[in-house]
N, C-alpha and C. Protein backbone atom coordinates (compact mmCIF):
# COMPACT_ATOMS: atom_id res chain seq x y z
N UNK A 1 8.04 -18.74 1.41
CA UNK A 1 9.33 -18.92 1.25
C UNK A 1 8.62 -18.02 -0.36
N UNK A 2 7.52 -18.30 -0.83
CA UNK A 2 6.80 -17.83 -2.25
C UNK A 2 6.12 -16.22 -1.90
N UNK A 3 6.19 -16.50 -0.72
CA UNK A 3 5.82 -14.92 -0.51
C UNK A 3 6.12 -13.20 -1.16
N UNK A 4 7.32 -13.50 0.12
CA UNK A 4 8.38 -13.11 0.28
C UNK A 4 8.99 -12.54 -1.53
N UNK A 5 8.72 -13.61 -2.10
CA UNK A 5 9.26 -12.77 -3.96
C UNK A 5 7.61 -12.42 -4.57
N UNK A 6 6.67 -12.58 -4.12
CA UNK A 6 5.77 -11.84 -4.58
C UNK A 6 5.87 -10.42 -4.37
N UNK A 7 5.86 -9.93 -2.70
CA UNK A 7 6.10 -8.91 -1.49
C UNK A 7 7.22 -8.82 -2.64
N UNK A 8 8.05 -9.20 -2.96
CA UNK A 8 9.23 -8.56 -3.79
C UNK A 8 8.74 -8.03 -4.67
N UNK A 9 8.15 -8.09 -5.84
CA UNK A 9 7.79 -8.24 -6.58
C UNK A 9 6.96 -7.04 -6.55
N UNK A 10 5.78 -6.60 -5.51
CA UNK A 10 4.95 -5.61 -5.26
C UNK A 10 5.96 -4.13 -5.48
N UNK A 11 6.63 -4.54 -3.88
CA UNK A 11 7.44 -3.29 -4.32
C UNK A 11 8.54 -3.10 -5.28
N UNK A 12 8.23 -3.75 -6.21
CA UNK A 12 9.08 -2.93 -7.55
C UNK A 12 8.18 -2.21 -8.04
N UNK A 13 7.05 -3.00 -8.91
CA UNK A 13 6.27 -2.37 -8.96
C UNK A 13 5.92 -1.17 -8.56
N UNK A 14 5.89 -0.76 -7.21
CA UNK A 14 5.07 0.16 -6.11
C UNK A 14 6.92 1.59 -6.31
N UNK A 15 7.73 0.73 -6.38
CA UNK A 15 8.79 1.53 -6.78
C UNK A 15 8.80 2.31 -7.98
N UNK A 16 8.58 2.08 -8.77
CA UNK A 16 8.40 1.90 -10.30
C UNK A 16 7.29 3.14 -11.06
N UNK A 17 6.05 2.39 -10.22
CA UNK A 17 4.89 3.62 -10.24
C UNK A 17 5.11 4.93 -9.64
N UNK A 18 5.95 4.80 -8.52
CA UNK A 18 6.36 6.18 -7.44
C UNK A 18 7.11 6.49 -8.38
N UNK A 19 8.30 6.16 -9.11
CA UNK A 19 9.49 7.03 -9.79
C UNK A 19 8.66 7.95 -11.17
N UNK A 20 7.50 7.10 -11.99
CA UNK A 20 6.65 7.75 -12.93
C UNK A 20 5.86 8.55 -12.47
N UNK A 21 5.24 8.80 -11.46
CA UNK A 21 3.84 9.74 -11.17
C UNK A 21 5.62 10.98 -10.96
N UNK A 22 6.08 10.49 -10.48
CA UNK A 22 6.88 12.34 -10.31
C UNK A 22 8.10 12.70 -11.50
N UNK A 23 8.23 11.33 -11.95
CA UNK A 23 9.02 12.45 -13.46
C UNK A 23 7.87 13.15 -14.04
N UNK A 24 6.61 12.06 -14.29
CA UNK A 24 5.85 13.02 -14.27
C UNK A 24 4.78 14.05 -13.78
N UNK A 25 4.56 14.73 -12.80
CA UNK A 25 4.97 16.00 -12.26
C UNK A 25 6.30 16.91 -11.88
N UNK A 26 7.29 16.56 -12.51
CA UNK A 26 8.01 17.45 -12.39
C UNK A 26 8.58 17.66 -13.72
N UNK A 27 7.89 17.43 -14.91
CA UNK A 27 8.36 17.79 -16.17
C UNK A 27 7.16 18.55 -16.45
N UNK A 28 5.97 18.77 -16.07
CA UNK A 28 4.76 19.22 -15.92
C UNK A 28 5.10 20.41 -14.61
N UNK A 29 5.53 20.50 -14.13
CA UNK A 29 6.45 21.90 -13.16
C UNK A 29 6.92 22.98 -13.63
N UNK A 30 7.51 21.84 -14.52
CA UNK A 30 8.87 22.70 -15.10
C UNK A 30 8.10 23.17 -16.27
N UNK A 31 6.69 22.28 -16.93
CA UNK A 31 6.15 23.52 -18.56
C UNK A 31 5.63 24.51 -17.83
N UNK A 32 5.14 23.60 -16.85
CA UNK A 32 3.40 25.15 -16.44
C UNK A 32 4.04 25.60 -14.68
N UNK A 33 4.96 26.59 -14.53
CA UNK A 33 5.43 26.81 -12.77
C UNK A 33 4.37 27.42 -12.23
N UNK A 34 3.01 28.10 -13.48
CA UNK A 34 2.10 28.35 -12.38
C UNK A 34 1.41 27.84 -11.68
N UNK A 35 1.48 25.81 -12.36
CA UNK A 35 0.59 25.12 -11.95
C UNK A 35 1.56 23.95 -10.41
N UNK A 36 2.06 25.28 -10.25
CA UNK A 36 3.13 23.78 -9.27
C UNK A 36 2.18 23.17 -8.28
N UNK A 37 1.34 23.92 -7.57
CA UNK A 37 0.57 24.56 -6.56
C UNK A 37 -0.49 22.82 -6.67
N UNK A 38 -1.09 22.69 -7.21
CA UNK A 38 -1.99 21.83 -8.21
C UNK A 38 -1.22 20.46 -8.85
N UNK A 39 -0.08 20.80 -8.92
CA UNK A 39 0.01 19.70 -9.64
C UNK A 39 0.72 18.37 -8.77
N UNK A 40 1.39 19.79 -7.62
CA UNK A 40 1.55 18.36 -6.63
C UNK A 40 0.79 18.41 -5.78
N UNK A 41 -0.53 18.87 -5.49
CA UNK A 41 -1.43 18.22 -4.27
C UNK A 41 -2.17 16.87 -5.30
N UNK A 42 -1.98 16.61 -6.44
CA UNK A 42 -2.20 15.88 -7.24
C UNK A 42 -1.04 14.67 -7.58
N UNK A 43 0.00 15.16 -7.49
CA UNK A 43 1.18 13.92 -7.00
C UNK A 43 0.59 13.35 -5.56
N UNK A 44 0.58 13.98 -4.42
CA UNK A 44 1.27 13.36 -3.48
C UNK A 44 -0.14 12.33 -3.33
N UNK A 45 -1.53 12.93 -3.54
CA UNK A 45 -2.91 12.36 -3.65
C UNK A 45 -2.82 10.89 -4.09
N UNK A 46 -2.03 10.44 -5.29
CA UNK A 46 -1.50 9.38 -6.38
C UNK A 46 -0.76 8.72 -6.02
N UNK A 47 0.50 9.02 -4.82
CA UNK A 47 1.43 8.44 -4.73
C UNK A 47 0.84 7.67 -3.52
N UNK A 48 -0.05 8.75 -2.75
CA UNK A 48 -0.07 8.06 -1.64
C UNK A 48 -1.77 6.63 -1.71
N UNK A 49 -2.45 6.62 -3.33
CA UNK A 49 -2.83 6.15 -3.95
C UNK A 49 -2.16 4.52 -4.16
N UNK A 50 -1.05 4.24 -4.70
CA UNK A 50 -0.34 3.76 -4.56
C UNK A 50 0.48 2.90 -3.98
N UNK A 51 0.30 4.08 -2.56
CA UNK A 51 0.99 3.03 -1.50
C UNK A 51 -0.18 2.18 -0.91
N UNK A 52 -1.21 2.63 -0.98
CA UNK A 52 -2.10 2.10 0.19
C UNK A 52 -2.32 1.03 -0.77
N UNK A 53 -2.93 1.16 -2.04
CA UNK A 53 -2.63 -0.18 -2.55
C UNK A 53 -1.69 -1.72 -2.80
N UNK A 54 -1.02 -1.07 -2.63
CA UNK A 54 0.56 -1.78 -2.29
C UNK A 54 -0.20 -2.45 -0.63
N UNK A 55 0.16 -1.79 0.64
CA UNK A 55 -0.55 -1.84 1.93
C UNK A 55 -1.12 -2.81 1.85
N UNK A 56 -2.50 -2.75 1.12
CA UNK A 56 -3.42 -3.60 1.08
C UNK A 56 -3.93 -4.93 0.81
N UNK A 57 -2.73 -5.04 -0.16
CA UNK A 57 -2.48 -6.26 -0.64
C UNK A 57 -1.65 -6.83 0.30
N UNK A 58 -0.64 -6.72 0.47
CA UNK A 58 0.37 -6.98 1.90
C UNK A 58 -0.04 -7.69 2.95
N UNK A 59 -1.41 -6.63 3.42
CA UNK A 59 -1.80 -7.12 4.66
C UNK A 59 -3.06 -8.65 4.43
N UNK A 60 -3.79 -8.12 2.86
CA UNK A 60 -4.17 -9.25 2.48
C UNK A 60 -3.32 -10.59 2.54
N UNK A 61 -2.64 -10.46 1.47
CA UNK A 61 -2.00 -11.37 1.39
C UNK A 61 -0.53 -11.76 2.81
N UNK A 62 -0.95 -11.32 3.43
CA UNK A 62 -0.02 -11.90 4.79
C UNK A 62 -1.74 -12.94 5.77
N UNK A 63 -2.59 -12.32 5.69
CA UNK A 63 -3.87 -12.48 6.06
C UNK A 63 -4.54 -13.70 5.64
N UNK A 64 -4.53 -13.83 4.22
CA UNK A 64 -4.98 -14.65 3.71
C UNK A 64 -4.26 -16.46 3.24
N UNK A 65 -3.17 -15.81 2.89
CA UNK A 65 -2.32 -17.21 2.62
C UNK A 65 -1.14 -17.29 4.20
N UNK A 66 -1.44 -16.80 5.04
CA UNK A 66 -0.79 -17.00 6.51
C UNK A 66 0.89 -16.57 6.20
N UNK A 67 1.58 -15.83 4.78
CA UNK A 67 2.71 -15.77 5.06
C UNK A 67 3.17 -14.10 6.08
């Protein structure tokens, strides 16, 4: 039961983090349109890291806690 609450909180944090990354990238792209390619690449890499961190914690939580 408590595992699902933790997973929900983790998912909420991931959603907020992805939103902040996207927001920062969009602001950067609007300020410097010539750097869109570089900003987009960095944004996608950062989003992938956030997702991977969540997936690792999800799998570790399931394997260690049995939830």
